[in-house]
Amino acid sequence: MVSALSLTLVACGSSSTTARCVDRNAPSGKGGYKVVPDRYCDVDDIDGGGTGSYNRYFWYYGGKRGSNGFVSGGSQYRPSKGKIKSGSGKTLSRGGFGGSGKSGS
């Protein structure tokens, strides 16, 4: 019983969401947003929650990337918990319970 609870806690604590940099202006007739290289998005904005993301390029969280290079089924709003990793696998935010993942200055 204890080991089942431990596995559940480990599984919950290790969840991560993929953030893909997308182009808002790409034709969306193919469904979703066109995925572009991470360098077009602001890594410092990863914890912004998407509220100020009115630029051409922004982070799109979760969803599924199709073979056509478009992603759909996710959200432009950052999940409140868990790690955020870029499409290339780089950890962008550590997240955590109730935390934004930002560090103080």
N, C-alpha and C. Protein backbone atom coordinates (compact mmCIF):
# COMPACT_ATOMS: atom_id res chain seq x y z
N MET A 1 0.82 -1.19 0.00
CA MET A 1 0.00 0.00 0.00
C MET A 1 0.87 1.25 0.00
N VAL A 2 1.91 1.26 0.82
CA VAL A 2 2.80 2.41 0.89
C VAL A 2 3.52 2.61 -0.43
N SER A 3 3.98 1.53 -1.05
CA SER A 3 4.72 1.67 -2.31
C SER A 3 3.81 2.20 -3.43
N ALA A 4 2.54 1.83 -3.44
CA ALA A 4 1.61 2.36 -4.44
C ALA A 4 1.44 3.86 -4.27
N LEU A 5 1.35 4.32 -3.02
CA LEU A 5 1.25 5.75 -2.75
C LEU A 5 2.52 6.46 -3.17
N SER A 6 3.66 5.86 -2.91
CA SER A 6 4.95 6.45 -3.31
C SER A 6 5.04 6.61 -4.82
N LEU A 7 4.62 5.58 -5.54
CA LEU A 7 4.64 5.66 -7.00
C LEU A 7 3.73 6.76 -7.51
N THR A 8 2.57 6.92 -6.88
CA THR A 8 1.64 7.97 -7.29
C THR A 8 2.25 9.34 -7.06
N LEU A 9 2.89 9.55 -5.92
CA LEU A 9 3.50 10.84 -5.62
C LEU A 9 4.66 11.14 -6.58
N VAL A 10 5.45 10.13 -6.88
CA VAL A 10 6.55 10.31 -7.82
C VAL A 10 6.02 10.66 -9.20
N ALA A 11 4.99 9.97 -9.63
CA ALA A 11 4.41 10.22 -10.94
C ALA A 11 3.84 11.63 -11.02
N CYS A 12 3.17 12.08 -9.96
CA CYS A 12 2.60 13.43 -9.96
C CYS A 12 3.69 14.48 -9.92
N GLY A 13 4.75 14.22 -9.18
CA GLY A 13 5.81 15.20 -9.04
C GLY A 13 6.69 15.32 -10.27
N SER A 14 6.65 14.34 -11.16
CA SER A 14 7.54 14.37 -12.30
C SER A 14 6.83 14.79 -13.59
N SER A 15 5.62 15.29 -13.48
CA SER A 15 4.89 15.65 -14.69
C SER A 15 5.54 16.87 -15.35
N SER A 16 5.52 16.85 -16.66
CA SER A 16 6.05 17.99 -17.39
C SER A 16 5.17 18.25 -18.60
N THR A 17 5.22 19.49 -19.05
CA THR A 17 4.46 19.91 -20.21
C THR A 17 5.44 20.42 -21.25
N THR A 18 5.20 20.11 -22.49
CA THR A 18 6.05 20.61 -23.57
C THR A 18 5.53 21.96 -24.03
N ALA A 19 6.43 22.93 -24.08
CA ALA A 19 6.10 24.26 -24.60
C ALA A 19 6.76 24.38 -25.97
N ARG A 20 5.98 24.69 -26.96
CA ARG A 20 6.52 24.86 -28.31
C ARG A 20 6.39 26.31 -28.71
N CYS A 21 7.42 26.81 -29.34
CA CYS A 21 7.37 28.18 -29.87
C CYS A 21 6.58 28.12 -31.17
N VAL A 22 5.55 28.95 -31.27
CA VAL A 22 4.69 28.93 -32.46
C VAL A 22 4.55 30.32 -33.07
N ASP A 23 4.15 30.34 -34.32
CA ASP A 23 3.95 31.57 -35.08
C ASP A 23 2.45 31.85 -35.17
N ARG A 24 2.04 32.94 -34.53
CA ARG A 24 0.63 33.32 -34.52
C ARG A 24 0.12 33.67 -35.92
N ASN A 25 1.00 34.16 -36.79
CA ASN A 25 0.60 34.65 -38.11
C ASN A 25 0.62 33.59 -39.20
N ALA A 26 1.08 32.39 -38.89
CA ALA A 26 1.11 31.33 -39.91
C ALA A 26 -0.32 30.91 -40.22
N PRO A 27 -0.59 30.57 -41.46
CA PRO A 27 -1.96 30.14 -41.81
C PRO A 27 -2.40 28.98 -40.93
N SER A 28 -3.55 29.12 -40.31
CA SER A 28 -4.02 28.07 -39.40
C SER A 28 -5.03 27.15 -40.08
N GLY A 29 -5.14 27.23 -41.37
CA GLY A 29 -6.06 26.37 -42.10
C GLY A 29 -5.71 24.90 -41.96
N LYS A 30 -4.48 24.62 -41.58
CA LYS A 30 -4.05 23.23 -41.40
C LYS A 30 -4.35 22.75 -39.99
N GLY A 31 -4.94 23.61 -39.18
CA GLY A 31 -5.29 23.23 -37.81
C GLY A 31 -4.17 23.54 -36.84
N GLY A 32 -4.40 24.43 -35.92
CA GLY A 32 -3.40 24.76 -34.91
C GLY A 32 -2.44 25.84 -35.33
N TYR A 33 -1.29 25.87 -34.66
CA TYR A 33 -0.26 26.88 -34.90
C TYR A 33 0.99 26.24 -35.48
N LYS A 34 1.68 26.97 -36.33
CA LYS A 34 2.93 26.51 -36.94
C LYS A 34 4.04 26.56 -35.91
N VAL A 35 4.73 25.44 -35.69
CA VAL A 35 5.85 25.37 -34.76
C VAL A 35 7.09 25.95 -35.44
N VAL A 36 7.80 26.82 -34.71
CA VAL A 36 9.03 27.45 -35.20
C VAL A 36 10.15 27.18 -34.20
N PRO A 37 11.41 27.44 -34.56
CA PRO A 37 12.51 27.21 -33.61
C PRO A 37 12.34 28.02 -32.31
N ASP A 38 12.77 27.44 -31.20
CA ASP A 38 12.64 28.07 -29.87
C ASP A 38 13.24 29.46 -29.80
N ARG A 39 14.24 29.73 -30.60
CA ARG A 39 14.94 31.02 -30.51
C ARG A 39 14.03 32.22 -30.82
N TYR A 40 12.90 31.98 -31.45
CA TYR A 40 11.98 33.07 -31.76
C TYR A 40 11.15 33.50 -30.55
N CYS A 41 11.05 32.66 -29.54
CA CYS A 41 10.26 32.98 -28.35
C CYS A 41 11.17 33.45 -27.22
N ASP A 42 10.62 34.25 -26.35
CA ASP A 42 11.34 34.79 -25.21
C ASP A 42 11.33 33.77 -24.07
N VAL A 43 12.48 33.22 -23.74
CA VAL A 43 12.59 32.23 -22.67
C VAL A 43 12.19 32.86 -21.34
N ASP A 44 12.43 34.15 -21.15
CA ASP A 44 12.06 34.82 -19.90
C ASP A 44 10.56 34.96 -19.74
N ASP A 45 9.80 34.79 -20.82
CA ASP A 45 8.35 34.92 -20.78
C ASP A 45 7.66 33.59 -20.50
N ILE A 46 8.42 32.54 -20.30
CA ILE A 46 7.84 31.21 -20.11
C ILE A 46 6.94 31.16 -18.88
N ASP A 47 7.24 31.97 -17.87
CA ASP A 47 6.42 32.00 -16.65
C ASP A 47 5.38 33.10 -16.68
N GLY A 48 5.24 33.78 -17.80
CA GLY A 48 4.29 34.87 -17.89
C GLY A 48 2.85 34.42 -17.94
N GLY A 49 2.61 33.16 -18.16
CA GLY A 49 1.25 32.64 -18.17
C GLY A 49 0.51 32.90 -19.46
N GLY A 50 1.17 33.51 -20.42
CA GLY A 50 0.52 33.75 -21.69
C GLY A 50 -0.35 34.97 -21.72
N THR A 51 -0.47 35.68 -20.59
CA THR A 51 -1.39 36.81 -20.54
C THR A 51 -0.92 37.98 -21.38
N GLY A 52 0.38 38.14 -21.58
CA GLY A 52 0.87 39.26 -22.36
C GLY A 52 1.41 38.82 -23.71
N SER A 53 1.08 37.64 -24.13
CA SER A 53 1.65 37.09 -25.36
C SER A 53 0.86 37.52 -26.59
N TYR A 54 1.05 38.76 -27.00
CA TYR A 54 0.39 39.24 -28.20
C TYR A 54 1.39 39.49 -29.31
N ASN A 55 2.60 38.97 -29.14
CA ASN A 55 3.61 39.07 -30.17
C ASN A 55 3.35 38.02 -31.24
N ARG A 56 4.10 38.10 -32.32
CA ARG A 56 3.93 37.12 -33.39
C ARG A 56 4.25 35.71 -32.90
N TYR A 57 5.33 35.58 -32.13
CA TYR A 57 5.76 34.27 -31.64
C TYR A 57 5.44 34.16 -30.15
N PHE A 58 4.95 33.01 -29.74
CA PHE A 58 4.65 32.81 -28.32
C PHE A 58 4.73 31.33 -27.99
N TRP A 59 4.76 31.02 -26.68
CA TRP A 59 4.83 29.65 -26.21
C TRP A 59 3.43 29.04 -26.20
N TYR A 60 3.33 27.83 -26.72
CA TYR A 60 2.08 27.09 -26.75
C TYR A 60 2.31 25.80 -25.95
N TYR A 61 1.50 25.58 -24.94
CA TYR A 61 1.73 24.50 -23.97
C TYR A 61 0.90 23.26 -24.27
N GLY A 62 1.57 22.11 -24.27
CA GLY A 62 0.89 20.84 -24.48
C GLY A 62 0.47 20.66 -25.92
N GLY A 63 -0.56 19.90 -26.11
CA GLY A 63 -1.05 19.63 -27.46
C GLY A 63 -0.22 18.57 -28.15
N LYS A 64 -0.55 18.35 -29.39
CA LYS A 64 0.13 17.33 -30.18
C LYS A 64 0.63 17.95 -31.47
N ARG A 65 1.88 17.67 -31.78
CA ARG A 65 2.46 18.17 -33.01
C ARG A 65 2.23 17.16 -34.12
N GLY A 66 1.61 17.63 -35.18
CA GLY A 66 1.35 16.76 -36.32
C GLY A 66 2.53 16.70 -37.26
N SER A 67 2.48 15.78 -38.21
CA SER A 67 3.56 15.64 -39.19
C SER A 67 3.63 16.84 -40.13
N ASN A 68 2.59 17.68 -40.13
CA ASN A 68 2.57 18.87 -40.97
C ASN A 68 3.28 20.06 -40.32
N GLY A 69 3.85 19.89 -39.10
CA GLY A 69 4.57 20.97 -38.44
C GLY A 69 3.69 21.91 -37.64
N PHE A 70 2.41 21.56 -37.49
CA PHE A 70 1.49 22.37 -36.71
C PHE A 70 1.16 21.64 -35.41
N VAL A 71 0.87 22.41 -34.36
CA VAL A 71 0.49 21.83 -33.07
C VAL A 71 -0.92 22.30 -32.74
N SER A 72 -1.71 21.39 -32.16
CA SER A 72 -3.07 21.75 -31.75
C SER A 72 -3.45 20.94 -30.52
N GLY A 73 -4.53 21.36 -29.89
CA GLY A 73 -5.02 20.63 -28.72
C GLY A 73 -4.39 21.06 -27.41
N GLY A 74 -3.61 22.12 -27.42
CA GLY A 74 -2.98 22.62 -26.20
C GLY A 74 -3.57 23.94 -25.78
N SER A 75 -2.74 24.78 -25.18
CA SER A 75 -3.21 26.07 -24.69
C SER A 75 -2.09 27.10 -24.73
N GLN A 76 -2.45 28.37 -24.86
CA GLN A 76 -1.44 29.42 -24.78
C GLN A 76 -1.22 29.86 -23.33
N TYR A 77 -1.93 29.24 -22.39
CA TYR A 77 -1.78 29.57 -20.98
C TYR A 77 -0.94 28.52 -20.28
N ARG A 78 0.07 28.97 -19.56
CA ARG A 78 1.00 28.09 -18.87
C ARG A 78 0.29 27.30 -17.79
N PRO A 79 0.55 25.98 -17.71
CA PRO A 79 -0.02 25.18 -16.61
C PRO A 79 0.51 25.68 -15.27
N SER A 80 -0.30 25.57 -14.22
CA SER A 80 0.10 26.10 -12.92
C SER A 80 1.09 25.21 -12.19
N LYS A 81 1.21 23.94 -12.60
CA LYS A 81 2.12 23.02 -11.89
C LYS A 81 2.94 22.23 -12.89
N GLY A 82 4.07 21.74 -12.41
CA GLY A 82 4.90 20.86 -13.21
C GLY A 82 6.00 21.59 -13.96
N LYS A 83 6.89 20.80 -14.52
CA LYS A 83 8.00 21.33 -15.30
C LYS A 83 7.53 21.73 -16.69
N ILE A 84 8.21 22.71 -17.24
CA ILE A 84 7.94 23.11 -18.62
C ILE A 84 9.22 22.85 -19.41
N LYS A 85 9.09 22.08 -20.48
CA LYS A 85 10.24 21.78 -21.34
C LYS A 85 9.93 22.27 -22.74
N SER A 86 10.96 22.75 -23.42
CA SER A 86 10.78 23.19 -24.80
C SER A 86 10.64 21.97 -25.71
N GLY A 87 10.21 22.22 -26.92
CA GLY A 87 10.08 21.14 -27.89
C GLY A 87 11.40 20.44 -28.15
N SER A 88 12.52 21.17 -27.91
CA SER A 88 13.84 20.58 -28.11
C SER A 88 14.34 19.85 -26.86
N GLY A 89 13.53 19.86 -25.76
CA GLY A 89 13.89 19.12 -24.56
C GLY A 89 14.55 19.92 -23.47
N LYS A 90 14.79 21.21 -23.67
CA LYS A 90 15.43 22.05 -22.66
C LYS A 90 14.42 22.40 -21.57
N THR A 91 14.81 22.25 -20.28
CA THR A 91 13.94 22.62 -19.18
C THR A 91 13.88 24.14 -19.10
N LEU A 92 12.67 24.68 -19.24
CA LEU A 92 12.48 26.13 -19.23
C LEU A 92 12.02 26.63 -17.87
N SER A 93 11.30 25.80 -17.12
CA SER A 93 10.78 26.19 -15.82
C SER A 93 10.63 24.95 -14.96
N ARG A 94 11.00 25.07 -13.71
CA ARG A 94 10.90 23.93 -12.82
C ARG A 94 9.52 23.80 -12.19
N GLY A 95 8.78 24.89 -12.08
CA GLY A 95 7.43 24.84 -11.53
C GLY A 95 7.39 24.32 -10.13
N GLY A 96 6.34 23.63 -9.79
CA GLY A 96 6.18 23.07 -8.45
C GLY A 96 4.80 23.37 -7.93
N PHE A 97 4.52 22.91 -6.73
CA PHE A 97 3.20 23.11 -6.15
C PHE A 97 3.01 24.57 -5.77
N GLY A 98 2.12 25.25 -6.45
CA GLY A 98 1.79 26.63 -6.12
C GLY A 98 2.85 27.63 -6.50
N GLY A 99 3.94 27.23 -7.08
CA GLY A 99 5.00 28.16 -7.44
C GLY A 99 4.99 28.47 -8.91
N SER A 100 5.55 29.62 -9.23
CA SER A 100 5.59 30.01 -10.65
C SER A 100 6.84 29.50 -11.33
N GLY A 101 7.82 29.08 -10.52
CA GLY A 101 9.07 28.62 -11.11
C GLY A 101 10.07 29.74 -11.28
N LYS A 102 9.69 30.95 -10.96
CA LYS A 102 10.60 32.09 -11.08
C LYS A 102 11.50 32.15 -9.86
N SER A 103 12.68 32.67 -10.06
CA SER A 103 13.57 32.85 -8.92
C SER A 103 13.65 34.34 -8.60
N GLY A 104 13.90 34.64 -7.35
CA GLY A 104 13.99 36.05 -6.93
C GLY A 104 15.28 36.67 -7.39
N SER A 105 15.30 38.01 -7.41
CA SER A 105 16.54 38.68 -7.82
C SER A 105 17.10 39.52 -6.72
